Amino acid sequence: MKENRSEELAVTGDQGPAAPQDPAAKRSGFYIIYDMDIEAAARGNGTNSQEFYLEGEQLMNLARVAGGVTDDLILQLLKDCAGFRRLVHSIGVRVKAGEDADSSVVFVLENWGRTSKYETGTRLRLPCPADGSETIVMLDEIAWSSDDDVPGKIAFEFEHAGVLATASVMLYLHEPYEVQEMLPEAAVNVESEDYQAMIAKSLVSPGNNKRLKAAIAKAKRGEAVTIAYIGGSITHGAGAKPLHTNCYAYQSYLAFERMFGNPDRDHIRFIKGGLGGTPSELGVVRYDRDILRGGTAEPDIVIVEFAVNDAGDETKGNCYESLCLKILAAKNKPAVILLFSVFVNDWNLQDRLAPIGWHYGLPMVSVKDAVVDQFRLKKEEGNVISKRQFFYDIYHPTNAGHTIMADCLRHLFAVTDRSEEDREDIALDQPPLIGSDFAQMRLLDRANYDGIATIQAGGFTATDTDLQLAEMDDDPFGTPHFPHNWMHAGDTGHDSFVMTITSRNLILVFKDSGRPDFGSAEIWVDGRMARLADPHEINWTHCNPVLLYQEETSREHQVEIRMAPGHEHQKFTILGFGYTM
């Protein structure tokens, strides 16, 4: 089989080499994807796919979670392509597309290259059936690129967007490598006493319930109620299939509607503003746009979910507390619920963020508190759900995981409903715990800067349309974020972008990108270089907020953005700014 970047593999399971059929000859192996729900998402380039990234420790973590691998030698061999081929004899792929069983599916394995990450590594493409039968690819019959560095990603490509399927990927091992076989697990019993006890453990604090009970009472009276969600990729719905209806946000909204709404009236509104890979540092910038919808929405309940995104928050909790205060200060007195999600390594930032909830008496729900302790138990000891069942990858929940998150919020709603109402409201006239410097944050972009700032765009005159997409609310389609941007397109001149603005704080939001035609830009504030903005530091298309200055009083500043030396002919996109007067 010949393989390179320009001549892709085109071998079906029937045409390709098969694994030994004799059970006695069956090789030891482990799953890296096990019976996982997948969805064909339109990628904007004519491809409809579900992707799993493998670089860094992501492949190792998939092996730990889906395959139960604990052998450190085997895990270390997954770090690079040489070790992968030393360990892996063949790959078994199963795809079951249900109603779309006749669909064409292509299994893709990409290695990142040493010379050019996305261009010089092997790209393996294997057409396979969608009827659940196993297709085998023998690795010793592939002409691997000599420039292969590390495993990059796996993808399943479909003919049409929206196709739902389940997929499994098994790595069969060379002798003498062996792993313990992972047995199938029983479905999670959501009616069991152990399940309900697990859900009850999620309630960190019911908090001051006056605002949440007021929203519940409105819903019971048949009045209009809006429940909104802001957070990262978990709130966006990553891991849920289909994303827009099986995510925890939509499922908990439905639970609230069933519990308190009038079935004869459509009076409970759902707003979802999750955006992958972003912290509360960006959440406080986009709150007015994505949740208040420019003043057209007035949420009664806002769930804030940044407990696994805020490791990169430069303000160390100031933006998170500021966001909570920004919401709480609204005239209609909305309830704020803090939701603490969790990663596969049992980590989140609950210890940093929960004190803010205690400080203001906010209801708090912790998925970590619910599931982590029982992860360590065997079924006979009270285990309800395994990590393989809960996690879609090392960051995001499966449909079962999203259901648990929704049930944790449902439990808070139920506890609040049957509790006596607190007499006094939340006290906001007290010093902040960490800080409130960004509570008045507003978004500035190309559509609204007039009258706020003076801008000379220089060479940043183009508009970038290749933006991070996220399904908002219950929409099945992605909405581009920060469309009113300034882009240096490489051929639009070398002059700097210069902005004069009077403000106390300023956050720049720029576009990260994995594309090689994007380059770095220097950010200068008042004649001094503040930072170098590198869109390849994170290396995928998403919105990156960075703090340029934070001061006690508002004054005039000049911000200059220019392409770094040697990058003058490359691209860079200024998505917008967050500012406080």
Protein backbone atom coordinates (compact mmCIF):
# COMPACT_ATOMS: atom_id res chain seq x y z
CA MET A 1 0.00 0.00 0.00
CA LYS A 2 1.45 3.32 -1.01
CA GLU A 3 0.75 6.24 1.31
CA ASN A 4 1.63 9.91 1.29
CA ARG A 5 -0.13 13.25 1.58
CA SER A 6 -1.18 13.36 -2.07
CA GLU A 7 -2.14 9.73 -2.64
CA GLU A 8 -4.54 8.62 0.05
CA LEU A 9 -5.30 5.02 0.97
CA ALA A 10 -8.47 3.66 -0.63
CA VAL A 11 -8.92 0.14 0.71
CA THR A 12 -12.17 -1.31 2.04
CA GLY A 13 -12.38 -3.83 4.80
CA ASP A 14 -13.04 -6.60 2.30
CA GLN A 15 -10.12 -5.63 0.07
CA GLY A 16 -7.67 -4.93 2.84
CA PRO A 17 -5.73 -7.41 4.98
CA ALA A 18 -7.78 -9.09 7.67
CA ALA A 19 -6.95 -9.95 11.24
CA PRO A 20 -6.65 -13.63 12.15
CA GLN A 21 -10.11 -15.23 12.33
CA ASP A 22 -8.99 -18.14 14.53
CA PRO A 23 -9.94 -17.18 18.12
CA ALA A 24 -6.78 -18.88 19.35
CA ALA A 25 -4.76 -16.46 17.24
CA LYS A 26 -6.54 -13.39 18.57
CA ARG A 27 -4.10 -10.70 19.58
CA SER A 28 -4.18 -8.77 22.80
CA GLY A 29 -5.53 -5.28 22.33
CA PHE A 30 -7.33 -2.36 23.86
CA TYR A 31 -9.88 0.23 22.83
CA ILE A 32 -9.07 3.88 22.40
CA ILE A 33 -12.68 4.57 21.37
CA TYR A 34 -15.35 2.24 22.71
CA ASP A 35 -18.97 2.19 21.53
CA MET A 36 -18.90 5.99 21.36
CA ASP A 37 -21.72 8.12 20.00
CA ILE A 38 -20.46 10.22 17.11
CA GLU A 39 -22.05 12.89 14.91
CA ALA A 40 -21.02 14.12 11.47
CA ALA A 41 -20.44 17.85 11.88
CA ALA A 42 -20.06 20.12 8.85
CA ARG A 43 -16.50 21.46 8.91
CA GLY A 44 -17.00 24.22 6.36
CA ASN A 45 -14.61 22.68 3.83
CA GLY A 46 -16.99 20.12 2.36
CA THR A 47 -16.13 17.55 5.02
CA ASN A 48 -18.64 16.16 7.52
CA SER A 49 -16.80 14.47 10.35
CA GLN A 50 -16.31 13.57 13.99
CA GLU A 51 -12.76 14.12 15.20
CA PHE A 52 -10.68 12.82 18.11
CA TYR A 53 -7.33 14.51 18.76
CA LEU A 54 -4.40 12.37 19.90
CA GLU A 55 -1.41 14.69 20.41
CA GLY A 56 0.22 15.37 23.76
CA GLU A 57 -1.18 12.91 26.28
CA GLN A 58 -4.62 12.68 24.68
CA LEU A 59 -4.01 9.27 23.07
CA MET A 60 -2.59 7.96 26.34
CA ASN A 61 -5.66 9.17 28.19
CA LEU A 62 -8.00 7.60 25.64
CA ALA A 63 -6.17 4.31 26.23
CA ARG A 64 -6.55 4.72 29.99
CA VAL A 65 -10.24 5.57 29.88
CA ALA A 66 -11.59 3.48 26.99
CA GLY A 67 -9.10 0.63 27.23
CA GLY A 68 -8.33 0.49 30.93
CA VAL A 69 -4.59 0.50 30.19
CA THR A 70 -2.40 0.96 33.25
CA ASP A 71 0.92 -0.40 31.96
CA ASP A 72 3.23 2.63 31.84
CA LEU A 73 5.49 1.06 29.19
CA ILE A 74 2.57 0.63 26.81
CA LEU A 75 1.28 4.14 27.51
CA GLN A 76 4.70 5.67 26.86
CA LEU A 77 4.91 3.94 23.46
CA LEU A 78 1.79 5.87 22.40
CA LYS A 79 3.59 9.21 22.72
CA ASP A 80 5.19 9.17 19.27
CA CYS A 81 4.79 7.44 15.92
CA ALA A 82 7.86 5.22 16.29
CA GLY A 83 6.57 3.83 19.58
CA PHE A 84 3.05 3.49 18.19
CA ARG A 85 4.23 1.30 15.30
CA ARG A 86 6.46 -0.72 17.63
CA LEU A 87 3.42 -1.42 19.82
CA VAL A 88 0.49 -1.66 17.41
CA HIS A 89 0.11 -4.54 14.96
CA SER A 90 -3.24 -3.54 13.44
CA ILE A 91 -6.24 -1.29 13.99
CA GLY A 92 -9.82 -2.52 14.17
CA VAL A 93 -12.59 -0.05 13.28
CA ARG A 94 -16.33 -0.52 13.79
CA VAL A 95 -18.99 2.02 12.82
CA LYS A 96 -22.72 1.50 13.27
CA ALA A 97 -24.83 4.20 11.67
CA GLY A 98 -28.32 2.88 12.49
CA GLU A 99 -30.80 4.31 10.01
CA ASP A 100 -27.88 5.42 7.86
CA ALA A 101 -26.23 1.99 7.73
CA ASP A 102 -25.82 2.29 3.97
CA SER A 103 -23.84 5.50 4.38
CA SER A 104 -20.26 5.75 3.22
CA VAL A 105 -17.82 6.20 6.12
CA VAL A 106 -14.12 6.93 5.89
CA PHE A 107 -11.84 6.27 8.87
CA VAL A 108 -8.95 8.75 8.98
CA LEU A 109 -5.72 8.53 10.97
CA GLU A 110 -3.38 11.50 10.70
CA ASN A 111 0.16 11.75 12.01
CA TRP A 112 1.65 15.18 12.57
CA GLY A 113 4.95 15.75 10.76
CA ARG A 114 8.25 17.05 12.11
CA THR A 115 8.95 19.41 9.21
CA SER A 116 5.43 20.75 8.77
CA LYS A 117 2.95 19.63 11.39
CA TYR A 118 -0.11 19.30 9.17
CA GLU A 119 1.52 18.61 5.82
CA THR A 120 4.40 16.11 6.03
CA GLY A 121 3.00 13.31 8.19
CA THR A 122 1.10 10.24 6.98
CA ARG A 123 -2.62 10.60 6.35
CA LEU A 124 -4.34 7.22 6.33
CA ARG A 125 -7.87 7.02 4.85
CA LEU A 126 -9.82 3.79 5.07
CA PRO A 127 -13.36 3.44 3.68
CA CYS A 128 -15.36 1.13 5.91
CA PRO A 129 -18.97 -0.09 6.23
CA ALA A 130 -21.42 1.52 8.64
CA ASP A 131 -23.16 -1.72 9.63
CA GLY A 132 -21.13 -2.44 12.77
CA SER A 133 -18.78 -4.99 11.18
CA GLU A 134 -15.08 -4.67 11.92
CA THR A 135 -12.61 -3.37 9.34
CA ILE A 136 -8.94 -4.12 9.94
CA VAL A 137 -5.94 -2.15 8.74
CA MET A 138 -2.54 -3.89 8.95
CA LEU A 139 0.12 -1.32 9.83
CA ASP A 140 3.07 -3.19 8.31
CA GLU A 141 1.51 -2.82 4.84
CA ILE A 142 1.43 0.98 4.96
CA ALA A 143 4.24 3.13 3.53
CA TRP A 144 4.58 5.50 6.48
CA SER A 145 6.11 8.92 5.95
CA SER A 146 9.68 9.20 7.22
CA ASP A 147 8.68 12.58 8.68
CA ASP A 148 6.02 11.18 11.04
CA ASP A 149 6.41 12.66 14.51
CA VAL A 150 3.38 12.03 16.73
CA PRO A 151 -0.13 10.62 16.26
CA GLY A 152 -2.31 13.64 15.50
CA LYS A 153 -5.96 12.76 15.19
CA ILE A 154 -8.60 10.23 14.26
CA ALA A 155 -11.66 11.22 12.26
CA PHE A 156 -14.78 9.59 10.87
CA GLU A 157 -15.96 11.24 7.66
CA PHE A 158 -19.53 10.89 6.39
CA GLU A 159 -21.29 11.88 3.18
CA HIS A 160 -23.81 14.07 4.98
CA ALA A 161 -23.80 16.33 8.03
CA GLY A 162 -25.92 15.25 11.00
CA VAL A 163 -25.43 11.49 10.62
CA LEU A 164 -25.46 9.80 14.05
CA ALA A 165 -23.50 6.62 14.65
CA THR A 166 -21.54 4.67 17.24
CA ALA A 167 -17.86 3.89 16.75
CA SER A 168 -15.14 1.76 18.30
CA VAL A 169 -11.42 1.71 17.55
CA MET A 170 -9.29 -1.17 18.84
CA LEU A 171 -5.49 -1.29 18.79
CA TYR A 172 -4.26 -4.88 18.36
CA LEU A 173 -0.76 -5.32 19.75
CA HIS A 174 2.44 -6.94 18.59
CA GLU A 175 3.66 -9.79 20.71
CA PRO A 176 4.78 -9.88 23.48
CA TYR A 177 2.73 -6.81 24.53
CA GLU A 178 -0.44 -7.73 26.41
CA VAL A 179 -3.16 -5.89 28.31
CA GLN A 180 -6.03 -7.08 30.42
CA GLU A 181 -9.27 -7.38 28.47
CA MET A 182 -11.93 -4.77 29.23
CA LEU A 183 -15.34 -6.38 29.56
CA PRO A 184 -18.56 -4.69 28.41
CA GLU A 185 -20.34 -2.69 31.08
CA ALA A 186 -24.00 -2.65 31.99
CA ALA A 187 -25.95 0.48 31.15
CA VAL A 188 -26.22 3.08 33.91
CA ASN A 189 -29.36 2.54 35.97
CA VAL A 190 -30.69 6.05 36.52
CA GLU A 191 -33.55 4.69 38.66
CA SER A 192 -31.32 3.02 41.25
CA GLU A 193 -30.85 4.24 44.81
CA ASP A 194 -27.09 4.42 44.23
CA TYR A 195 -27.64 6.74 41.25
CA GLN A 196 -29.89 9.06 43.23
CA ALA A 197 -27.40 9.10 46.11
CA MET A 198 -24.62 10.00 43.66
CA ILE A 199 -26.67 12.87 42.27
CA ALA A 200 -27.46 14.16 45.77
CA LYS A 201 -23.73 14.43 46.52
CA SER A 202 -23.44 17.10 43.82
CA LEU A 203 -25.18 19.75 45.91
CA VAL A 204 -22.32 21.78 47.38
CA SER A 205 -24.74 24.39 48.72
CA PRO A 206 -28.35 25.37 48.02
CA GLY A 207 -27.19 28.94 48.72
CA ASN A 208 -29.55 31.82 49.27
CA ASN A 209 -32.64 30.50 47.48
CA LYS A 210 -34.68 33.70 47.25
CA ARG A 211 -33.90 34.43 43.59
CA LEU A 212 -34.15 30.85 42.37
CA LYS A 213 -37.46 30.34 44.18
CA ALA A 214 -38.75 33.54 42.59
CA ALA A 215 -37.95 32.15 39.13
CA ILE A 216 -39.62 28.84 39.98
CA ALA A 217 -42.70 30.68 41.23
CA LYS A 218 -42.90 32.68 37.97
CA ALA A 219 -42.73 29.47 35.97
CA LYS A 220 -45.48 27.88 38.04
CA ARG A 221 -47.70 30.90 37.43
CA GLY A 222 -47.19 30.49 33.69
CA GLU A 223 -45.17 33.70 33.38
CA ALA A 224 -42.22 34.10 31.03
CA VAL A 225 -39.00 32.71 32.46
CA THR A 226 -35.57 32.61 30.81
CA ILE A 227 -32.90 30.13 31.88
CA ALA A 228 -29.43 30.80 30.46
CA TYR A 229 -26.08 29.02 30.44
CA ILE A 230 -22.59 30.44 29.92
CA GLY A 231 -19.39 28.43 29.93
CA GLY A 232 -16.86 26.54 27.85
CA SER A 233 -17.06 23.53 25.55
CA ILE A 234 -19.03 21.40 28.03
CA THR A 235 -21.76 24.04 28.11
CA HIS A 236 -21.48 24.24 24.32
CA GLY A 237 -22.35 20.53 24.41
CA ALA A 238 -19.11 18.83 23.39
CA GLY A 239 -19.40 15.05 23.68
CA ALA A 240 -23.21 15.03 23.45
CA LYS A 241 -24.74 13.47 20.33
CA PRO A 242 -26.70 15.20 18.95
CA LEU A 243 -25.05 18.14 20.60
CA HIS A 244 -27.90 20.63 20.58
CA THR A 245 -30.49 18.38 22.30
CA ASN A 246 -28.45 15.93 24.43
CA CYS A 247 -26.15 18.48 26.08
CA TYR A 248 -26.59 19.00 29.83
CA ALA A 249 -27.80 22.56 29.29
CA TYR A 250 -30.75 21.62 27.11
CA GLN A 251 -31.57 18.54 29.20
CA SER A 252 -31.64 20.55 32.45
CA TYR A 253 -33.74 23.24 30.79
CA LEU A 254 -36.23 20.54 29.78
CA ALA A 255 -36.21 19.24 33.36
CA PHE A 256 -36.99 22.72 34.68
CA GLU A 257 -39.78 23.08 32.13
CA ARG A 258 -41.29 19.71 33.06
CA MET A 259 -41.05 20.42 36.77
CA PHE A 260 -42.45 23.95 36.85
CA GLY A 261 -43.76 25.01 33.44
CA ASN A 262 -47.28 25.14 32.11
CA PRO A 263 -47.58 22.44 29.40
CA ASP A 264 -50.16 24.53 27.56
CA ARG A 265 -47.85 27.53 27.20
CA ASP A 266 -44.46 28.05 25.59
CA HIS A 267 -43.28 30.44 28.29
CA ILE A 268 -39.83 29.17 29.32
CA ARG A 269 -36.99 30.39 27.13
CA PHE A 270 -33.64 28.61 26.71
CA ILE A 271 -30.39 30.52 26.05
CA LYS A 272 -27.08 28.69 25.67
CA GLY A 273 -23.80 30.56 25.31
CA GLY A 274 -21.09 27.91 25.60
CA LEU A 275 -17.86 28.41 23.64
CA GLY A 276 -15.09 25.81 23.55
CA GLY A 277 -11.65 26.50 24.97
CA THR A 278 -12.55 29.85 26.56
CA PRO A 279 -12.34 31.03 30.20
CA SER A 280 -14.43 33.49 32.19
CA GLU A 281 -11.94 36.12 31.01
CA LEU A 282 -13.76 35.89 27.67
CA GLY A 283 -17.12 35.05 29.23
CA VAL A 284 -17.31 38.45 30.91
CA VAL A 285 -16.55 40.12 27.55
CA ARG A 286 -19.24 38.29 25.59
CA TYR A 287 -21.96 38.07 28.27
CA ASP A 288 -23.99 41.03 26.97
CA ARG A 289 -23.84 39.69 23.40
CA ASP A 290 -24.32 35.96 23.97
CA ILE A 291 -26.66 35.93 26.98
CA LEU A 292 -28.41 39.31 27.11
CA ARG A 293 -28.53 39.37 23.31
CA GLY A 294 -27.85 43.07 23.20
CA GLY A 295 -30.60 43.85 25.72
CA THR A 296 -33.33 41.72 24.17
CA ALA A 297 -33.11 38.98 26.82
CA GLU A 298 -33.50 39.19 30.58
CA PRO A 299 -32.50 35.88 32.21
CA ASP A 300 -34.12 34.80 35.47
CA ILE A 301 -31.55 32.03 36.05
CA VAL A 302 -27.95 31.92 34.80
CA ILE A 303 -25.77 28.81 35.17
CA VAL A 304 -22.05 29.67 35.11
CA GLU A 305 -19.70 26.82 34.10
CA PHE A 306 -15.99 27.70 33.93
CA ALA A 307 -14.53 25.34 36.54
CA VAL A 308 -12.41 23.45 33.98
CA ASN A 309 -11.66 26.41 31.68
CA ASP A 310 -10.27 28.99 34.07
CA ALA A 311 -6.77 27.58 34.50
CA GLY A 312 -5.80 30.10 31.80
CA ASP A 313 -7.61 33.03 33.43
CA GLU A 314 -4.87 35.64 33.87
CA THR A 315 -6.88 37.38 36.59
CA LYS A 316 -6.98 34.25 38.81
CA GLY A 317 -10.67 34.53 39.64
CA ASN A 318 -11.22 38.28 39.29
CA CYS A 319 -12.99 37.85 35.94
CA TYR A 320 -15.04 34.94 37.32
CA GLU A 321 -16.23 36.93 40.34
CA SER A 322 -16.78 39.97 38.11
CA LEU A 323 -18.96 37.89 35.78
CA CYS A 324 -21.06 36.68 38.70
CA LEU A 325 -21.48 40.25 39.96
CA LYS A 326 -22.32 41.50 36.46
CA ILE A 327 -25.17 38.97 36.32
CA LEU A 328 -26.36 39.50 39.90
CA ALA A 329 -26.51 43.28 39.50
CA ALA A 330 -29.23 43.15 36.82
CA LYS A 331 -32.44 44.98 37.73
CA ASN A 332 -34.58 41.84 37.56
CA LYS A 333 -32.37 40.11 40.17
CA PRO A 334 -31.51 36.84 38.40
CA ALA A 335 -30.34 33.76 40.25
CA VAL A 336 -26.75 32.66 39.59
CA ILE A 337 -25.89 28.96 39.89
CA LEU A 338 -22.24 27.92 39.92
CA LEU A 339 -21.67 24.59 38.16
CA PHE A 340 -18.36 22.79 38.65
CA SER A 341 -17.66 20.24 35.90
CA VAL A 342 -14.67 17.88 35.95
CA PHE A 343 -11.95 16.42 33.70
CA VAL A 344 -11.01 12.75 33.40
CA ASN A 345 -8.05 13.27 35.76
CA ASP A 346 -10.52 14.28 38.52
CA TRP A 347 -9.42 17.93 38.30
CA ASN A 348 -11.27 21.21 38.37
CA LEU A 349 -10.91 24.67 39.94
CA GLN A 350 -13.61 24.22 42.55
CA ASP A 351 -11.26 25.10 45.41
CA ARG A 352 -10.60 28.52 43.81
CA LEU A 353 -14.14 29.27 42.65
CA ALA A 354 -16.39 27.83 45.37
CA PRO A 355 -15.31 30.47 47.95
CA ILE A 356 -16.88 33.07 45.64
CA GLY A 357 -20.13 31.14 45.86
CA TRP A 358 -19.92 30.95 49.63
CA HIS A 359 -19.12 34.67 49.79
CA TYR A 360 -22.36 35.66 48.03
CA GLY A 361 -24.53 32.72 49.08
CA LEU A 362 -24.88 31.30 45.57
CA PRO A 363 -26.29 27.85 44.84
CA MET A 364 -23.44 25.53 43.83
CA VAL A 365 -23.48 22.16 42.08
CA SER A 366 -20.37 20.00 41.67
CA VAL A 367 -20.23 17.18 39.15
CA LYS A 368 -16.82 16.37 40.61
CA ASP A 369 -18.31 15.78 44.06
CA ALA A 370 -20.95 13.53 42.53
CA VAL A 371 -18.85 11.19 40.40
CA VAL A 372 -15.18 11.13 41.39
CA ASP A 373 -15.40 9.09 44.60
CA GLN A 374 -17.57 6.41 42.99
CA PHE A 375 -15.17 6.16 40.01
CA ARG A 376 -12.77 4.39 42.38
CA LEU A 377 -15.31 1.76 43.44
CA LYS A 378 -16.14 -1.60 41.91
CA LYS A 379 -19.72 -2.32 40.89
CA GLU A 380 -20.31 -4.44 43.98
CA GLU A 381 -18.98 -1.59 46.13
CA GLY A 382 -21.41 0.98 44.73
CA ASN A 383 -19.92 2.17 41.45
CA VAL A 384 -22.68 3.72 39.34
CA ILE A 385 -20.82 4.84 36.22
CA SER A 386 -17.26 4.25 35.05
CA LYS A 387 -14.97 6.85 33.53
CA ARG A 388 -15.30 5.05 30.20
CA GLN A 389 -19.07 5.55 30.36
CA PHE A 390 -18.93 9.14 31.67
CA PHE A 391 -16.19 10.67 29.51
CA TYR A 392 -16.26 11.10 25.76
CA ASP A 393 -12.58 12.10 25.82
CA ILE A 394 -10.30 13.47 28.52
CA TYR A 395 -12.34 16.67 28.78
CA HIS A 396 -15.96 16.15 27.79
CA PRO A 397 -18.87 13.99 28.97
CA THR A 398 -20.70 11.39 26.92
CA ASN A 399 -24.47 11.50 26.60
CA ALA A 400 -24.58 9.61 29.91
CA GLY A 401 -22.24 12.18 31.45
CA HIS A 402 -24.35 15.08 30.20
CA THR A 403 -27.44 13.36 31.63
CA ILE A 404 -25.77 13.18 35.03
CA MET A 405 -24.87 16.87 34.86
CA ALA A 406 -28.47 17.74 34.00
CA ASP A 407 -29.75 15.56 36.86
CA CYS A 408 -27.42 17.34 39.29
CA LEU A 409 -29.05 20.65 38.34
CA ARG A 410 -32.49 19.04 38.47
CA HIS A 411 -31.72 17.96 42.04
CA LEU A 412 -30.92 21.57 42.99
CA PHE A 413 -34.20 22.71 41.42
CA ALA A 414 -36.12 20.10 43.43
CA VAL A 415 -34.36 20.90 46.73
CA THR A 416 -35.00 24.61 46.20
CA ASP A 417 -38.66 24.06 45.37
CA ARG A 418 -39.40 22.19 48.58
CA SER A 419 -37.32 24.48 50.83
CA GLU A 420 -38.57 27.47 52.77
CA GLU A 421 -37.76 30.75 51.05
CA ASP A 422 -34.94 32.86 52.46
CA ARG A 423 -36.19 36.19 53.79
CA GLU A 424 -33.32 38.40 52.65
CA ASP A 425 -31.79 38.70 49.18
CA ILE A 426 -28.13 38.19 48.37
CA ALA A 427 -25.96 40.98 49.78
CA LEU A 428 -24.04 42.67 46.97
CA ASP A 429 -22.93 45.74 49.00
CA GLN A 430 -19.82 44.04 50.38
CA PRO A 431 -16.16 43.98 49.31
CA PRO A 432 -15.40 41.37 46.64
CA LEU A 433 -13.56 38.24 47.65
CA ILE A 434 -11.03 38.30 44.79
CA GLY A 435 -12.02 41.30 42.70
CA SER A 436 -14.76 43.05 40.75
CA ASP A 437 -12.60 45.00 38.31
CA PHE A 438 -14.33 43.60 35.22
CA ALA A 439 -17.96 43.67 36.34
CA GLN A 440 -18.74 46.57 33.96
CA MET A 441 -16.98 44.92 31.00
CA ARG A 442 -18.29 45.68 27.52
CA LEU A 443 -17.47 44.35 24.07
CA LEU A 444 -15.89 46.60 21.44
CA ASP A 445 -15.66 45.40 17.85
CA ARG A 446 -15.78 46.69 14.30
CA ALA A 447 -19.56 47.14 14.44
CA ASN A 448 -19.77 49.35 17.53
CA TYR A 449 -16.46 51.12 18.18
CA ASP A 450 -17.56 54.51 16.82
CA GLY A 451 -17.95 56.93 19.71
CA ILE A 452 -16.01 54.65 22.06
CA ALA A 453 -12.55 54.58 20.51
CA THR A 454 -10.61 56.15 17.65
CA ILE A 455 -9.23 53.49 15.32
CA GLN A 456 -6.87 53.59 12.37
CA ALA A 457 -7.03 50.06 10.95
CA GLY A 458 -3.80 50.30 8.95
CA GLY A 459 -3.17 46.94 7.27
CA PHE A 460 -5.94 45.29 9.30
CA THR A 461 -8.74 46.10 6.85
CA ALA A 462 -9.99 42.66 5.84
CA THR A 463 -12.73 40.69 7.61
CA ASP A 464 -12.03 37.11 8.68
CA THR A 465 -14.91 34.70 7.99
CA ASP A 466 -13.11 31.50 9.04
CA LEU A 467 -14.16 31.76 12.68
CA GLN A 468 -14.82 29.55 15.68
CA LEU A 469 -18.31 28.11 15.42
CA ALA A 470 -20.62 27.13 18.26
CA GLU A 471 -24.20 25.88 18.29
CA MET A 472 -26.11 28.50 20.30
CA ASP A 473 -29.33 27.78 22.20
CA ASP A 474 -30.98 24.69 20.67
CA ASP A 475 -29.72 25.42 17.15
CA PRO A 476 -28.21 22.44 15.27
CA PHE A 477 -25.98 24.76 13.23
CA GLY A 478 -22.84 26.62 14.27
CA THR A 479 -22.81 30.39 14.78
CA PRO A 480 -19.53 32.19 13.92
CA HIS A 481 -18.14 34.12 16.88
CA PHE A 482 -16.78 37.66 16.58
CA PRO A 483 -17.70 38.24 12.93
CA HIS A 484 -17.10 42.01 13.22
CA ASN A 485 -13.33 41.75 13.27
CA TRP A 486 -10.21 43.34 11.82
CA MET A 487 -7.94 41.03 9.83
CA HIS A 488 -4.45 41.53 8.48
CA ALA A 489 -4.73 39.39 5.35
CA GLY A 490 -1.05 39.38 4.40
CA ASP A 491 -1.57 41.55 1.32
CA THR A 492 -3.44 44.42 2.98
CA GLY A 493 -0.37 46.51 3.82
CA HIS A 494 2.15 46.68 6.64
CA ASP A 495 0.73 49.63 8.60
CA SER A 496 -0.18 49.07 12.24
CA PHE A 497 -3.63 48.91 13.75
CA VAL A 498 -3.81 51.86 16.17
CA MET A 499 -6.58 52.42 18.71
CA THR A 500 -6.96 55.27 21.17
CA ILE A 501 -9.37 54.51 24.00
CA THR A 502 -10.12 55.83 27.48
CA SER A 503 -10.58 52.85 29.77
CA ARG A 504 -9.54 51.30 33.05
CA ASN A 505 -9.03 47.76 31.78
CA LEU A 506 -8.59 46.28 28.33
CA ILE A 507 -8.74 42.70 27.07
CA LEU A 508 -7.72 41.87 23.51
CA VAL A 509 -9.49 38.94 21.85
CA PHE A 510 -7.56 37.53 18.90
CA LYS A 511 -7.95 34.44 16.75
CA ASP A 512 -5.89 31.33 17.35
CA SER A 513 -5.32 29.24 14.25
CA GLY A 514 -3.53 26.08 13.20
CA ARG A 515 -3.10 27.40 9.65
CA PRO A 516 0.51 28.01 8.55
CA ASP A 517 -0.36 31.33 6.87
CA PHE A 518 -1.12 32.94 10.24
CA GLY A 519 1.67 34.77 12.02
CA SER A 520 2.41 36.56 15.27
CA ALA A 521 1.71 40.18 16.10
CA GLU A 522 3.32 42.56 18.57
CA ILE A 523 0.96 44.37 20.95
CA TRP A 524 2.19 47.78 22.08
CA VAL A 525 0.47 49.84 24.81
CA ASP A 526 1.45 53.49 25.28
CA GLY A 527 4.69 52.99 23.41
CA ARG A 528 5.80 49.88 25.27
CA MET A 529 5.52 46.34 23.98
CA ALA A 530 2.96 44.56 26.15
CA ARG A 531 3.13 41.08 24.63
CA LEU A 532 3.61 38.96 21.53
CA ALA A 533 0.34 37.40 20.35
CA ASP A 534 1.07 34.01 18.78
CA PRO A 535 -1.95 32.35 17.12
CA HIS A 536 -0.09 29.03 17.07
CA GLU A 537 0.44 28.83 20.83
CA ILE A 538 -2.83 26.90 21.15
CA ASN A 539 -3.00 26.13 17.44
CA TRP A 540 -6.67 25.62 16.62
CA THR A 541 -9.32 28.04 15.47
CA HIS A 542 -10.76 29.64 18.55
CA CYS A 543 -11.06 32.92 20.45
CA ASN A 544 -8.14 33.84 22.71
CA PRO A 545 -8.53 36.64 25.32
CA VAL A 546 -5.41 38.31 26.73
CA LEU A 547 -5.24 41.08 29.32
CA LEU A 548 -3.41 44.19 28.07
CA TYR A 549 -3.79 46.36 31.15
CA GLN A 550 -5.67 46.53 34.45
CA GLU A 551 -5.66 49.83 36.34
CA GLU A 552 -7.53 51.47 39.20
CA THR A 553 -8.62 54.55 37.27
CA SER A 554 -9.71 55.20 33.70
CA ARG A 555 -7.38 57.14 31.42
CA GLU A 556 -6.48 57.45 27.76
CA HIS A 557 -4.35 54.70 26.25
CA GLN A 558 -2.97 54.03 22.80
CA VAL A 559 -2.84 50.43 21.60
CA GLU A 560 -0.80 49.51 18.55
CA ILE A 561 -0.89 46.09 16.93
CA ARG A 562 1.64 45.30 14.22
CA MET A 563 2.88 42.15 12.61
CA ALA A 564 6.04 40.78 14.20
CA PRO A 565 9.31 41.03 12.21
CA GLY A 566 9.34 38.31 9.57
CA HIS A 567 5.55 37.88 9.75
CA GLU A 568 4.57 40.96 7.72
CA HIS A 569 3.11 38.88 4.89
CA GLN A 570 1.13 36.55 7.16
CA LYS A 571 -2.35 36.82 8.60
CA PHE A 572 -3.58 37.92 12.01
CA THR A 573 -7.15 38.59 13.21
CA ILE A 574 -8.21 41.02 15.92
CA LEU A 575 -11.60 39.65 16.95
CA GLY A 576 -12.48 42.45 19.35
CA PHE A 577 -11.78 43.99 22.76
CA GLY A 578 -13.32 43.98 26.20
CA TYR A 579 -13.11 47.28 28.08
CA THR A 580 -14.29 48.95 31.27
CA MET A 581 -14.58 52.73 31.51
